Amino acid sequence: MIIDFPTKDDFFNAATDYLNSSRDSVVELISEFEKIVDLIDDSKHSVESERYWGSAKQTLISATALVQ
């Protein structure tokens, strides 16, 4: 016998949690990037920005998957 079926509110809460988790991941990446962007701009390594976002690719893919 199946008991404790998820309710509409359970699904809504889970979706909200996924959205918040996704947003938190992206905000964390942006905040971290803003902290280091001055260092990147002042350095001779202008490709560091591309390297940063390249290394963040998996986090961005996961964040996108959470909200789909």
N, C-alpha and C. Protein backbone atom coordinates (compact mmCIF):
# COMPACT_ATOMS: atom_id res chain seq x y z
N MET A 1 0.83 -1.17 0.00
CA MET A 1 0.00 0.00 0.00
C MET A 1 0.89 1.25 0.00
N ILE A 2 0.55 2.17 -0.85
CA ILE A 2 1.29 3.42 -0.93
C ILE A 2 0.63 4.43 -0.01
N ILE A 3 1.46 5.05 0.82
CA ILE A 3 0.94 6.09 1.72
C ILE A 3 1.78 7.35 1.56
N ASP A 4 1.27 8.42 2.09
CA ASP A 4 1.98 9.70 2.09
C ASP A 4 2.32 10.18 0.68
N PHE A 5 1.30 10.26 -0.17
CA PHE A 5 1.48 10.80 -1.51
C PHE A 5 1.92 12.26 -1.43
N PRO A 6 2.80 12.68 -2.33
CA PRO A 6 3.17 14.10 -2.35
C PRO A 6 1.96 14.96 -2.76
N THR A 7 1.85 16.07 -2.11
CA THR A 7 0.75 16.98 -2.42
C THR A 7 1.22 18.03 -3.42
N LYS A 8 0.28 18.83 -3.86
CA LYS A 8 0.60 19.94 -4.75
C LYS A 8 1.61 20.86 -4.09
N ASP A 9 1.45 21.11 -2.81
CA ASP A 9 2.38 21.97 -2.09
C ASP A 9 3.78 21.36 -2.00
N ASP A 10 3.86 20.05 -1.87
CA ASP A 10 5.17 19.38 -1.84
C ASP A 10 5.91 19.62 -3.15
N PHE A 11 5.21 19.48 -4.27
CA PHE A 11 5.83 19.72 -5.57
C PHE A 11 6.23 21.19 -5.73
N PHE A 12 5.37 22.08 -5.27
CA PHE A 12 5.67 23.51 -5.36
C PHE A 12 6.91 23.84 -4.52
N ASN A 13 6.98 23.30 -3.31
CA ASN A 13 8.12 23.56 -2.44
C ASN A 13 9.42 22.99 -3.02
N ALA A 14 9.34 21.81 -3.61
CA ALA A 14 10.52 21.21 -4.23
C ALA A 14 10.99 22.07 -5.41
N ALA A 15 10.05 22.53 -6.22
CA ALA A 15 10.41 23.37 -7.36
C ALA A 15 11.03 24.69 -6.89
N THR A 16 10.48 25.26 -5.85
CA THR A 16 11.03 26.49 -5.29
C THR A 16 12.45 26.27 -4.78
N ASP A 17 12.66 25.15 -4.11
CA ASP A 17 14.00 24.83 -3.61
C ASP A 17 15.00 24.66 -4.75
N TYR A 18 14.59 24.01 -5.83
CA TYR A 18 15.47 23.85 -6.99
C TYR A 18 15.82 25.20 -7.59
N LEU A 19 14.83 26.05 -7.72
CA LEU A 19 15.06 27.38 -8.28
C LEU A 19 16.01 28.19 -7.40
N ASN A 20 15.78 28.15 -6.09
CA ASN A 20 16.65 28.89 -5.17
C ASN A 20 18.08 28.34 -5.18
N SER A 21 18.22 27.04 -5.25
CA SER A 21 19.54 26.43 -5.31
C SER A 21 20.28 26.85 -6.57
N SER A 22 19.57 26.85 -7.68
CA SER A 22 20.15 27.26 -8.95
C SER A 22 20.58 28.72 -8.89
N ARG A 23 19.71 29.56 -8.39
CA ARG A 23 20.02 30.99 -8.29
C ARG A 23 21.22 31.22 -7.38
N ASP A 24 21.27 30.52 -6.25
CA ASP A 24 22.39 30.68 -5.32
C ASP A 24 23.72 30.31 -5.97
N SER A 25 23.72 29.26 -6.77
CA SER A 25 24.94 28.84 -7.46
C SER A 25 25.43 29.92 -8.41
N VAL A 26 24.52 30.48 -9.17
CA VAL A 26 24.89 31.51 -10.15
C VAL A 26 25.32 32.80 -9.45
N VAL A 27 24.62 33.18 -8.40
CA VAL A 27 24.99 34.39 -7.65
C VAL A 27 26.37 34.22 -7.03
N GLU A 28 26.66 33.04 -6.53
CA GLU A 28 27.98 32.78 -5.95
C GLU A 28 29.08 32.92 -7.01
N LEU A 29 28.85 32.39 -8.19
CA LEU A 29 29.83 32.52 -9.27
C LEU A 29 30.04 33.99 -9.65
N ILE A 30 28.95 34.72 -9.79
CA ILE A 30 29.05 36.13 -10.17
C ILE A 30 29.77 36.94 -9.09
N SER A 31 29.44 36.68 -7.83
CA SER A 31 30.09 37.40 -6.73
C SER A 31 31.59 37.11 -6.70
N GLU A 32 31.93 35.86 -6.87
CA GLU A 32 33.35 35.48 -6.89
C GLU A 32 34.06 36.14 -8.06
N PHE A 33 33.41 36.16 -9.21
CA PHE A 33 34.02 36.78 -10.39
C PHE A 33 34.22 38.27 -10.19
N GLU A 34 33.24 38.94 -9.58
CA GLU A 34 33.36 40.38 -9.34
C GLU A 34 34.54 40.69 -8.42
N LYS A 35 34.82 39.78 -7.49
CA LYS A 35 35.95 39.99 -6.57
C LYS A 35 37.29 39.88 -7.30
N ILE A 36 37.36 39.02 -8.29
CA ILE A 36 38.64 38.81 -8.96
C ILE A 36 38.78 39.58 -10.27
N VAL A 37 37.73 40.21 -10.73
CA VAL A 37 37.78 40.86 -12.04
C VAL A 37 38.81 41.99 -12.07
N ASP A 38 38.98 42.71 -10.98
CA ASP A 38 39.99 43.77 -10.96
C ASP A 38 41.39 43.19 -11.10
N LEU A 39 41.62 42.06 -10.48
CA LEU A 39 42.93 41.41 -10.61
C LEU A 39 43.17 40.96 -12.04
N ILE A 40 42.12 40.47 -12.67
CA ILE A 40 42.24 40.00 -14.05
C ILE A 40 42.50 41.17 -14.99
N ASP A 41 41.76 42.27 -14.80
CA ASP A 41 41.92 43.43 -15.68
C ASP A 41 43.31 44.04 -15.57
N ASP A 42 43.89 43.99 -14.38
CA ASP A 42 45.21 44.58 -14.18
C ASP A 42 46.36 43.66 -14.58
N SER A 43 46.05 42.42 -14.85
CA SER A 43 47.12 41.47 -15.18
C SER A 43 47.36 41.41 -16.68
N LYS A 44 48.43 40.73 -17.02
CA LYS A 44 48.76 40.54 -18.43
C LYS A 44 48.00 39.34 -18.99
N HIS A 45 47.24 38.70 -18.15
CA HIS A 45 46.53 37.47 -18.54
C HIS A 45 45.05 37.77 -18.79
N SER A 46 44.77 38.40 -19.88
CA SER A 46 43.38 38.79 -20.17
C SER A 46 42.48 37.60 -20.45
N VAL A 47 43.05 36.44 -20.73
CA VAL A 47 42.23 35.25 -21.00
C VAL A 47 41.75 34.58 -19.71
N GLU A 48 42.16 35.12 -18.56
CA GLU A 48 41.75 34.53 -17.28
C GLU A 48 40.24 34.57 -17.10
N SER A 49 39.60 35.59 -17.64
CA SER A 49 38.14 35.68 -17.57
C SER A 49 37.50 34.49 -18.27
N GLU A 50 38.01 34.18 -19.44
CA GLU A 50 37.48 33.03 -20.19
C GLU A 50 37.76 31.73 -19.44
N ARG A 51 38.92 31.63 -18.82
CA ARG A 51 39.25 30.43 -18.04
C ARG A 51 38.31 30.28 -16.85
N TYR A 52 38.01 31.41 -16.19
CA TYR A 52 37.12 31.36 -15.04
C TYR A 52 35.75 30.81 -15.44
N TRP A 53 35.16 31.40 -16.49
CA TRP A 53 33.83 30.96 -16.90
C TRP A 53 33.87 29.57 -17.50
N GLY A 54 34.99 29.20 -18.09
CA GLY A 54 35.14 27.83 -18.58
C GLY A 54 35.13 26.83 -17.43
N SER A 55 35.80 27.20 -16.34
CA SER A 55 35.82 26.30 -15.18
C SER A 55 34.47 26.28 -14.46
N ALA A 56 33.67 27.32 -14.64
CA ALA A 56 32.36 27.39 -14.01
C ALA A 56 31.27 26.73 -14.86
N LYS A 57 31.65 26.22 -16.00
CA LYS A 57 30.68 25.68 -16.96
C LYS A 57 29.81 24.57 -16.35
N GLN A 58 30.42 23.64 -15.62
CA GLN A 58 29.64 22.54 -15.04
C GLN A 58 28.63 23.04 -14.02
N THR A 59 29.02 24.02 -13.23
CA THR A 59 28.09 24.60 -12.26
C THR A 59 26.92 25.27 -12.97
N LEU A 60 27.21 25.97 -14.06
CA LEU A 60 26.15 26.63 -14.82
C LEU A 60 25.23 25.61 -15.49
N ILE A 61 25.80 24.52 -15.98
CA ILE A 61 24.98 23.47 -16.59
C ILE A 61 24.06 22.85 -15.54
N SER A 62 24.60 22.60 -14.36
CA SER A 62 23.79 22.02 -13.28
C SER A 62 22.68 22.98 -12.86
N ALA A 63 23.00 24.27 -12.77
CA ALA A 63 22.00 25.26 -12.39
C ALA A 63 20.89 25.33 -13.44
N THR A 64 21.26 25.23 -14.70
CA THR A 64 20.26 25.23 -15.77
C THR A 64 19.38 24.00 -15.69
N ALA A 65 19.98 22.86 -15.42
CA ALA A 65 19.21 21.61 -15.33
C ALA A 65 18.22 21.65 -14.18
N LEU A 66 18.58 22.31 -13.09
CA LEU A 66 17.68 22.38 -11.95
C LEU A 66 16.40 23.15 -12.25
N VAL A 67 16.49 24.14 -13.12
CA VAL A 67 15.31 24.97 -13.38
C VAL A 67 14.52 24.53 -14.60
N GLN A 68 14.96 23.48 -15.27
CA GLN A 68 14.21 23.01 -16.44
C GLN A 68 13.13 22.05 -16.04
